[in-house]
């Protein structure tokens, strides 16, 4: 049985998720959570850049 790298539980299968340019293997629950955290981080960064009137590229 494979083991999830995030929650360290035994699972039936692992899913590969790309977060911050890196691939991570995790169970489906952890993969969903990682995707949500990445989306939230991206949205909050764009809000902060908008408040600071950042006009460049990242």
N, C-alpha and C. Protein backbone atom coordinates (compact mmCIF):
# COMPACT_ATOMS: atom_id res chain seq x y z
N UNK A 1 0.84 -1.18 0.00
CA UNK A 1 0.00 0.00 0.00
C UNK A 1 0.89 1.25 0.00
N UNK A 2 0.61 2.19 -0.89
CA UNK A 2 1.36 3.44 -0.89
C UNK A 2 1.02 4.31 0.32
N UNK A 3 1.96 5.15 0.70
CA UNK A 3 1.78 6.04 1.84
C UNK A 3 1.81 7.48 1.35
N UNK A 4 0.82 8.25 1.77
CA UNK A 4 0.72 9.68 1.42
C UNK A 4 1.85 10.43 2.10
N UNK A 5 2.56 11.27 1.35
CA UNK A 5 3.68 12.04 1.90
C UNK A 5 3.21 13.16 2.82
N UNK A 6 1.97 13.60 2.67
CA UNK A 6 1.47 14.73 3.44
C UNK A 6 0.90 14.28 4.78
N UNK A 7 -0.05 13.34 4.75
CA UNK A 7 -0.69 12.92 6.00
C UNK A 7 -0.11 11.63 6.55
N UNK A 8 0.75 10.98 5.77
CA UNK A 8 1.45 9.76 6.17
C UNK A 8 0.51 8.61 6.49
N UNK A 9 -0.63 8.55 5.81
CA UNK A 9 -1.58 7.44 5.94
C UNK A 9 -1.43 6.51 4.74
N UNK A 10 -1.78 5.25 4.93
CA UNK A 10 -1.80 4.32 3.82
C UNK A 10 -3.06 4.56 3.00
N UNK A 11 -2.89 4.62 1.68
CA UNK A 11 -4.02 4.89 0.79
C UNK A 11 -4.01 3.88 -0.35
N UNK A 12 -5.12 3.83 -1.08
CA UNK A 12 -5.21 2.92 -2.22
C UNK A 12 -4.37 3.39 -3.39
N UNK A 13 -4.41 4.70 -3.67
CA UNK A 13 -3.60 5.23 -4.76
C UNK A 13 -3.21 6.67 -4.46
N UNK A 14 -2.10 7.10 -5.07
CA UNK A 14 -1.60 8.46 -4.89
C UNK A 14 -1.89 9.27 -6.14
N UNK A 15 -2.11 10.55 -5.95
CA UNK A 15 -2.37 11.48 -7.04
C UNK A 15 -1.21 12.47 -7.08
N UNK A 16 -0.74 12.79 -8.27
CA UNK A 16 0.34 13.76 -8.42
C UNK A 16 -0.26 15.15 -8.57
N UNK A 17 0.20 16.08 -7.73
CA UNK A 17 -0.29 17.46 -7.74
C UNK A 17 0.91 18.38 -7.94
N UNK A 18 0.76 19.39 -8.79
CA UNK A 18 1.82 20.35 -9.02
C UNK A 18 1.53 21.61 -8.20
N UNK A 19 2.41 21.91 -7.23
CA UNK A 19 2.25 23.06 -6.36
C UNK A 19 3.55 23.84 -6.37
N UNK A 20 3.46 25.13 -6.70
CA UNK A 20 4.63 26.01 -6.75
C UNK A 20 5.73 25.45 -7.65
N UNK A 21 5.32 24.86 -8.77
CA UNK A 21 6.28 24.33 -9.72
C UNK A 21 6.87 22.98 -9.35
N UNK A 22 6.44 22.41 -8.26
CA UNK A 22 6.94 21.12 -7.81
C UNK A 22 5.81 20.10 -7.82
N UNK A 23 6.15 18.87 -8.17
CA UNK A 23 5.16 17.80 -8.15
C UNK A 23 5.21 17.09 -6.81
N UNK A 24 4.04 16.86 -6.24
CA UNK A 24 3.94 16.14 -4.97
C UNK A 24 2.96 15.00 -5.15
N UNK A 25 3.26 13.87 -4.54
CA UNK A 25 2.34 12.75 -4.55
C UNK A 25 1.61 12.72 -3.22
N UNK A 26 0.28 12.73 -3.31
CA UNK A 26 -0.54 12.77 -2.10
C UNK A 26 -1.85 12.03 -2.36
N UNK A 27 -2.56 11.72 -1.28
CA UNK A 27 -3.88 11.11 -1.43
C UNK A 27 -4.84 12.17 -1.98
N UNK A 28 -6.02 11.76 -2.39
CA UNK A 28 -6.94 12.71 -3.02
C UNK A 28 -7.37 13.82 -2.08
N UNK A 29 -7.58 13.52 -0.79
CA UNK A 29 -7.98 14.55 0.17
C UNK A 29 -6.88 15.60 0.32
N UNK A 30 -5.67 15.15 0.50
CA UNK A 30 -4.55 16.08 0.66
C UNK A 30 -4.29 16.84 -0.64
N UNK A 31 -4.47 16.19 -1.79
CA UNK A 31 -4.28 16.85 -3.08
C UNK A 31 -5.27 17.99 -3.25
N UNK A 32 -6.53 17.75 -2.87
CA UNK A 32 -7.53 18.82 -2.95
C UNK A 32 -7.16 19.98 -2.05
N UNK A 33 -6.71 19.67 -0.83
CA UNK A 33 -6.32 20.70 0.12
C UNK A 33 -5.12 21.50 -0.41
N UNK A 34 -4.14 20.82 -1.00
CA UNK A 34 -2.97 21.51 -1.55
C UNK A 34 -3.36 22.43 -2.71
N UNK A 35 -4.27 21.96 -3.56
CA UNK A 35 -4.74 22.80 -4.67
C UNK A 35 -5.44 24.05 -4.15
N UNK A 36 -6.31 23.88 -3.15
CA UNK A 36 -7.03 25.02 -2.58
C UNK A 36 -6.06 26.02 -1.95
N UNK A 37 -5.08 25.52 -1.21
CA UNK A 37 -4.10 26.41 -0.57
C UNK A 37 -3.30 27.19 -1.61
N UNK A 38 -2.94 26.54 -2.72
CA UNK A 38 -2.20 27.22 -3.78
C UNK A 38 -3.05 28.31 -4.43
N UNK A 39 -4.34 28.02 -4.67
CA UNK A 39 -5.23 29.02 -5.25
C UNK A 39 -5.41 30.21 -4.33
N UNK A 40 -5.58 29.96 -3.04
CA UNK A 40 -5.75 31.03 -2.07
C UNK A 40 -4.49 31.90 -2.00
N UNK A 41 -3.34 31.27 -2.00
CA UNK A 41 -2.08 32.02 -1.95
C UNK A 41 -1.92 32.89 -3.19
N UNK A 42 -2.29 32.36 -4.35
CA UNK A 42 -2.18 33.12 -5.59
C UNK A 42 -3.13 34.32 -5.57
N UNK A 43 -4.37 34.11 -5.11
CA UNK A 43 -5.34 35.21 -5.05
C UNK A 43 -4.89 36.28 -4.06
N UNK A 44 -4.40 35.87 -2.90
CA UNK A 44 -3.99 36.87 -1.91
C UNK A 44 -2.78 37.66 -2.39
N UNK A 45 -1.89 37.01 -3.13
CA UNK A 45 -0.74 37.72 -3.67
C UNK A 45 -1.17 38.78 -4.68
N UNK A 46 -2.15 38.45 -5.52
CA UNK A 46 -2.61 39.42 -6.51
C UNK A 46 -3.31 40.60 -5.83
N UNK A 47 -4.02 40.35 -4.72
CA UNK A 47 -4.68 41.42 -3.99
C UNK A 47 -3.64 42.36 -3.39
N UNK A 48 -2.60 41.80 -2.78
CA UNK A 48 -1.55 42.62 -2.18
C UNK A 48 -0.84 43.43 -3.26
N UNK A 49 -0.57 42.81 -4.41
CA UNK A 49 0.08 43.55 -5.50
C UNK A 49 -0.82 44.67 -6.00
N UNK A 50 -2.12 44.45 -6.03
CA UNK A 50 -3.05 45.49 -6.45
C UNK A 50 -3.07 46.64 -5.46
N UNK A 51 -3.01 46.34 -4.16
CA UNK A 51 -2.99 47.40 -3.16
C UNK A 51 -1.72 48.22 -3.25
N UNK A 52 -0.63 47.58 -3.61
CA UNK A 52 0.66 48.28 -3.69
C UNK A 52 0.91 48.86 -5.08
N UNK A 53 -0.09 48.72 -5.96
CA UNK A 53 -0.02 49.20 -7.33
C UNK A 53 1.20 48.65 -8.07
N UNK A 54 1.46 47.38 -7.90
CA UNK A 54 2.56 46.69 -8.55
C UNK A 54 2.21 46.52 -10.03
N UNK A 55 3.05 46.99 -10.92
CA UNK A 55 2.75 46.94 -12.34
C UNK A 55 3.68 46.01 -13.09
N UNK A 56 4.65 45.41 -12.44
CA UNK A 56 5.61 44.54 -13.10
C UNK A 56 5.11 43.12 -13.24
N UNK A 57 5.98 42.28 -13.66
CA UNK A 57 5.66 40.86 -13.82
C UNK A 57 6.30 40.09 -12.70
N UNK A 58 5.71 38.99 -12.40
CA UNK A 58 6.28 38.11 -11.39
C UNK A 58 7.08 37.06 -12.05
